[in-house]
Amino acid sequence: MRLALFEPDIPQNTGAMLRTAACLGIGVDIIEPAGFVLSDKRLHRAGMDYLKLAEITRHDSWASFLDACINNKSRPVLLTAKASVPYGEFRFMADDTLVVGRESAGAPDAVHTACGAAVRIPMVISARSLNVATAAAMALGEALRQTGTFPQSL
């Protein structure tokens, strides 16, 4: 299981997702360009000392990320408010990569088209979207539960 951040543009959210991934033993793909430099102090404040535990792979483009998915036999699963399938009804696989879009614009049509599947978090009709870090944590939790791949507690 992996988490991919498509062109993230808020360093605090990226830091929170990196911390979550580090705690869950999940690798993270950052698909450039990011809207900030990865040395941003806001990223480090949100990620705290967990950033050194995070397994991060940077991709210079969407195309290079897709190549890595093909090479790793990983299915990209897009988390988007536009999907019709609720994430709790989707069947995750242990080698899936959960993809989240940019905070400011979501994921473009090309990302929607290229992903093997798309899921959403059910919300009340008057809500547009959850914070991307919160949404990623919810979907990762369900994916890890389904696949039985939560890390072993000591």
C-alpha atoms as a PDB file:
ATOM      1  CA  MET A   1       0.000   0.000   0.000  1.00  0.00           C
ATOM      2  CA  ARG A   2       1.218   3.467  -0.877  1.00  0.00           C
ATOM      3  CA  LEU A   3      -0.088   7.040  -0.793  1.00  0.00           C
ATOM      4  CA  ALA A   4       0.499   9.384  -3.749  1.00  0.00           C
ATOM      5  CA  LEU A   5       0.155  13.151  -3.509  1.00  0.00           C
ATOM      6  CA  PHE A   6      -0.582  14.727  -6.886  1.00  0.00           C
ATOM      7  CA  GLU A   7       1.074  18.169  -7.036  1.00  0.00           C
ATOM      8  CA  PRO A   8       0.440  19.033  -3.374  1.00  0.00           C
ATOM      9  CA  ASP A   9       0.200  22.738  -2.686  1.00  0.00           C
ATOM     10  CA  ILE A  10      -0.258  23.113   1.087  1.00  0.00           C
ATOM     11  CA  PRO A  11       2.838  22.093   3.070  1.00  0.00           C
ATOM     12  CA  GLN A  12       0.955  21.557   6.341  1.00  0.00           C
ATOM     13  CA  ASN A  13      -1.344  18.984   4.711  1.00  0.00           C
ATOM     14  CA  THR A  14       1.613  17.246   3.104  1.00  0.00           C
ATOM     15  CA  GLY A  15       3.379  17.129   6.469  1.00  0.00           C
ATOM     16  CA  ALA A  16       0.310  15.625   8.113  1.00  0.00           C
ATOM     17  CA  MET A  17      -0.001  12.972   5.374  1.00  0.00           C
ATOM     18  CA  LEU A  18       3.707  12.139   5.604  1.00  0.00           C
ATOM     19  CA  ARG A  19       3.362  11.713   9.358  1.00  0.00           C
ATOM     20  CA  THR A  20       0.319   9.461   8.926  1.00  0.00           C
ATOM     21  CA  ALA A  21       2.118   7.366   6.324  1.00  0.00           C
ATOM     22  CA  ALA A  22       5.235   7.065   8.490  1.00  0.00           C
ATOM     23  CA  CYS A  23       3.166   5.881  11.458  1.00  0.00           C
ATOM     24  CA  LEU A  24       1.336   3.324   9.300  1.00  0.00           C
ATOM     25  CA  GLY A  25       4.446   2.096   7.479  1.00  0.00           C
ATOM     26  CA  ILE A  26       3.167   3.337   4.120  1.00  0.00           C
ATOM     27  CA  GLY A  27       5.420   4.683   1.374  1.00  0.00           C
ATOM     28  CA  VAL A  28       4.566   8.061  -0.142  1.00  0.00           C
ATOM     29  CA  ASP A  29       4.902   9.225  -3.735  1.00  0.00           C
ATOM     30  CA  ILE A  30       5.089  12.976  -4.273  1.00  0.00           C
ATOM     31  CA  ILE A  31       4.203  13.891  -7.831  1.00  0.00           C
ATOM     32  CA  GLU A  32       5.806  17.177  -8.825  1.00  0.00           C
ATOM     33  CA  PRO A  33       5.510  20.024  -9.200  1.00  0.00           C
ATOM     34  CA  ALA A  34       4.638  20.728  -5.583  1.00  0.00           C
ATOM     35  CA  GLY A  35       3.420  24.204  -4.666  1.00  0.00           C
ATOM     36  CA  PHE A  36       6.229  24.589  -2.104  1.00  0.00           C
ATOM     37  CA  VAL A  37       9.771  23.381  -1.516  1.00  0.00           C
ATOM     38  CA  LEU A  38      10.048  20.205   0.525  1.00  0.00           C
ATOM     39  CA  SER A  39      12.282  21.972   3.017  1.00  0.00           C
ATOM     40  CA  ASP A  40       9.396  24.346   3.920  1.00  0.00           C
ATOM     41  CA  LYS A  41       9.275  24.903   7.692  1.00  0.00           C
ATOM     42  CA  ARG A  42       5.466  24.496   7.698  1.00  0.00           C
ATOM     43  CA  LEU A  43       5.869  20.998   6.230  1.00  0.00           C
ATOM     44  CA  HIS A  44       8.373  20.116   8.943  1.00  0.00           C
ATOM     45  CA  ARG A  45       6.211  21.599  11.699  1.00  0.00           C
ATOM     46  CA  ALA A  46       3.244  19.441  10.632  1.00  0.00           C
ATOM     47  CA  GLY A  47       5.317  16.302  10.026  1.00  0.00           C
ATOM     48  CA  MET A  48       7.465  16.793  13.093  1.00  0.00           C
ATOM     49  CA  ASP A  49      10.231  14.267  13.631  1.00  0.00           C
ATOM     50  CA  TYR A  50       8.156  11.622  11.810  1.00  0.00           C
ATOM     51  CA  LEU A  51       9.404  12.938   8.462  1.00  0.00           C
ATOM     52  CA  LYS A  52      12.694  11.121   8.930  1.00  0.00           C
ATOM     53  CA  LEU A  53      10.692   7.870   9.219  1.00  0.00           C
ATOM     54  CA  ALA A  54       8.723   8.522   6.026  1.00  0.00           C
ATOM     55  CA  GLU A  55       9.621   6.579   2.899  1.00  0.00           C
ATOM     56  CA  ILE A  56       9.273   9.253   0.194  1.00  0.00           C
ATOM     57  CA  THR A  57       9.694   8.821  -3.545  1.00  0.00           C
ATOM     58  CA  ARG A  58       9.565  11.948  -5.691  1.00  0.00           C
ATOM     59  CA  HIS A  59       8.361  11.828  -9.293  1.00  0.00           C
ATOM     60  CA  ASP A  60       9.037  14.727 -11.642  1.00  0.00           C
ATOM     61  CA  SER A  61       5.734  14.186 -13.486  1.00  0.00           C
ATOM     62  CA  TRP A  62       2.481  12.280 -13.576  1.00  0.00           C
ATOM     63  CA  ALA A  63       3.884  10.165 -16.423  1.00  0.00           C
ATOM     64  CA  SER A  64       6.902   9.078 -14.364  1.00  0.00           C
ATOM     65  CA  PHE A  65       4.612   8.182 -11.461  1.00  0.00           C
ATOM     66  CA  LEU A  66       2.457   6.026 -13.769  1.00  0.00           C
ATOM     67  CA  ASP A  67       5.591   4.296 -15.074  1.00  0.00           C
ATOM     68  CA  ALA A  68       6.545   3.486 -11.471  1.00  0.00           C
ATOM     69  CA  CYS A  69       3.059   2.057 -10.834  1.00  0.00           C
ATOM     70  CA  ILE A  70       3.395  -0.174 -13.897  1.00  0.00           C
ATOM     71  CA  ASN A  71       6.882  -1.323 -12.847  1.00  0.00           C
ATOM     72  CA  ASN A  72       5.691  -2.030  -9.285  1.00  0.00           C
ATOM     73  CA  LYS A  73       2.417  -3.633 -10.439  1.00  0.00           C
ATOM     74  CA  SER A  74       0.513  -1.122  -8.329  1.00  0.00           C
ATOM     75  CA  ARG A  75      -3.022   0.010  -9.129  1.00  0.00           C
ATOM     76  CA  PRO A  76      -3.544   3.763  -8.665  1.00  0.00           C
ATOM     77  CA  VAL A  77      -6.845   4.376  -6.852  1.00  0.00           C
ATOM     78  CA  LEU A  78      -8.007   7.997  -6.911  1.00  0.00           C
ATOM     79  CA  LEU A  79      -9.706   9.437  -3.832  1.00  0.00           C
ATOM     80  CA  THR A  80     -12.095  12.087  -5.180  1.00  0.00           C
ATOM     81  CA  ALA A  81     -15.431  13.663  -4.302  1.00  0.00           C
ATOM     82  CA  LYS A  82     -16.400  13.034  -7.959  1.00  0.00           C
ATOM     83  CA  ALA A  83     -16.307   9.222  -7.691  1.00  0.00           C
ATOM     84  CA  SER A  84     -19.470   7.176  -7.486  1.00  0.00           C
ATOM     85  CA  VAL A  85     -18.056   4.303  -5.391  1.00  0.00           C
ATOM     86  CA  PRO A  86     -17.934   4.840  -1.599  1.00  0.00           C
ATOM     87  CA  TYR A  87     -14.517   3.856  -0.237  1.00  0.00           C
ATOM     88  CA  GLY A  88     -16.040   1.420   2.252  1.00  0.00           C
ATOM     89  CA  GLU A  89     -17.652  -0.551  -0.588  1.00  0.00           C
ATOM     90  CA  PHE A  90     -14.497  -0.697  -2.707  1.00  0.00           C
ATOM     91  CA  ARG A  91     -12.259  -3.781  -2.599  1.00  0.00           C
ATOM     92  CA  PHE A  92      -8.721  -2.563  -1.920  1.00  0.00           C
ATOM     93  CA  MET A  93      -5.676  -4.692  -2.683  1.00  0.00           C
ATOM     94  CA  ALA A  94      -2.434  -4.660  -0.677  1.00  0.00           C
ATOM     95  CA  ASP A  95      -0.424  -3.238  -3.606  1.00  0.00           C
ATOM     96  CA  ASP A  96      -2.795  -0.325  -4.344  1.00  0.00           C
ATOM     97  CA  THR A  97      -1.567   3.245  -4.372  1.00  0.00           C
ATOM     98  CA  LEU A  98      -4.135   5.700  -3.024  1.00  0.00           C
ATOM     99  CA  VAL A  99      -3.885   8.951  -5.013  1.00  0.00           C
ATOM    100  CA  VAL A 100      -5.059  12.314  -3.662  1.00  0.00           C
ATOM    101  CA  GLY A 101      -5.309  15.488  -5.711  1.00  0.00           C
ATOM    102  CA  ARG A 102      -4.191  19.037  -5.078  1.00  0.00           C
ATOM    103  CA  GLU A 103      -5.906  20.836  -2.250  1.00  0.00           C
ATOM    104  CA  SER A 104      -6.714  23.829  -4.452  1.00  0.00           C
ATOM    105  CA  ALA A 105      -7.958  22.038  -7.570  1.00  0.00           C
ATOM    106  CA  GLY A 106      -8.281  18.304  -6.966  1.00  0.00           C
ATOM    107  CA  ALA A 107      -7.080  16.012  -9.728  1.00  0.00           C
ATOM    108  CA  PRO A 108      -7.330  16.918 -13.424  1.00  0.00           C
ATOM    109  CA  ASP A 109      -9.226  14.803 -15.943  1.00  0.00           C
ATOM    110  CA  ALA A 110      -6.030  13.050 -17.077  1.00  0.00           C
ATOM    111  CA  VAL A 111      -5.492  11.721 -13.553  1.00  0.00           C
ATOM    112  CA  HIS A 112      -9.113  10.579 -13.303  1.00  0.00           C
ATOM    113  CA  THR A 113      -8.763   8.772 -16.633  1.00  0.00           C
ATOM    114  CA  ALA A 114      -5.438   7.094 -15.834  1.00  0.00           C
ATOM    115  CA  CYS A 115      -6.355   5.724 -12.407  1.00  0.00           C
ATOM    116  CA  GLY A 116      -7.536   2.130 -12.264  1.00  0.00           C
ATOM    117  CA  ALA A 117     -10.354   3.062  -9.903  1.00  0.00           C
ATOM    118  CA  ALA A 118     -11.836   6.027  -8.049  1.00  0.00           C
ATOM    119  CA  VAL A 119     -13.484   6.153  -4.626  1.00  0.00           C
ATOM    120  CA  ARG A 120     -15.164   8.799  -2.516  1.00  0.00           C
ATOM    121  CA  ILE A 121     -15.961   9.393   1.127  1.00  0.00           C
ATOM    122  CA  PRO A 122     -19.729   9.784   1.617  1.00  0.00           C
ATOM    123  CA  MET A 123     -20.612  13.187   3.058  1.00  0.00           C
ATOM    124  CA  VAL A 124     -23.676  15.308   3.631  1.00  0.00           C
ATOM    125  CA  ILE A 125     -24.920  16.950   0.437  1.00  0.00           C
ATOM    126  CA  SER A 126     -24.066  20.487   1.575  1.00  0.00           C
ATOM    127  CA  ALA A 127     -20.339  19.606   2.015  1.00  0.00           C
ATOM    128  CA  ARG A 128     -17.862  19.922  -0.866  1.00  0.00           C
ATOM    129  CA  SER A 129     -14.914  18.006   0.502  1.00  0.00           C
ATOM    130  CA  LEU A 130     -12.910  16.974   3.536  1.00  0.00           C
ATOM    131  CA  ASN A 131      -9.395  18.165   4.248  1.00  0.00           C
ATOM    132  CA  VAL A 132      -7.119  16.066   2.040  1.00  0.00           C
ATOM    133  CA  ALA A 133      -5.036  14.812   4.966  1.00  0.00           C
ATOM    134  CA  THR A 134      -8.167  13.723   6.848  1.00  0.00           C
ATOM    135  CA  ALA A 135      -9.600  12.041   3.747  1.00  0.00           C
ATOM    136  CA  ALA A 136      -6.329  10.229   3.044  1.00  0.00           C
ATOM    137  CA  ALA A 137      -6.163   8.943   6.635  1.00  0.00           C
ATOM    138  CA  MET A 138      -9.754   7.662   6.483  1.00  0.00           C
ATOM    139  CA  ALA A 139      -9.257   5.862   3.163  1.00  0.00           C
ATOM    140  CA  LEU A 140      -5.872   4.428   4.176  1.00  0.00           C
ATOM    141  CA  GLY A 141      -7.398   3.100   7.380  1.00  0.00           C
ATOM    142  CA  GLU A 142     -10.101   1.282   5.437  1.00  0.00           C
ATOM    143  CA  ALA A 143      -7.623  -0.025   2.859  1.00  0.00           C
ATOM    144  CA  LEU A 144      -5.307  -1.361   5.573  1.00  0.00           C
ATOM    145  CA  ARG A 145      -8.249  -2.898   7.444  1.00  0.00           C
ATOM    146  CA  GLN A 146      -9.502  -4.664   4.329  1.00  0.00           C
ATOM    147  CA  THR A 147      -6.099  -5.999   3.363  1.00  0.00           C
ATOM    148  CA  GLY A 148      -5.027  -6.899   6.892  1.00  0.00           C
ATOM    149  CA  THR A 149      -1.846  -4.874   6.484  1.00  0.00           C
ATOM    150  CA  PHE A 150      -1.886  -2.551   9.491  1.00  0.00           C
ATOM    151  CA  PRO A 151       1.570  -2.537  11.097  1.00  0.00           C
ATOM    152  CA  GLN A 152       2.056  -4.870  14.050  1.00  0.00           C
ATOM    153  CA  SER A 153       2.018  -3.046  17.384  1.00  0.00           C
ATOM    154  CA  LEU A 154       4.823  -3.743  19.802  1.00  0.00           C
END
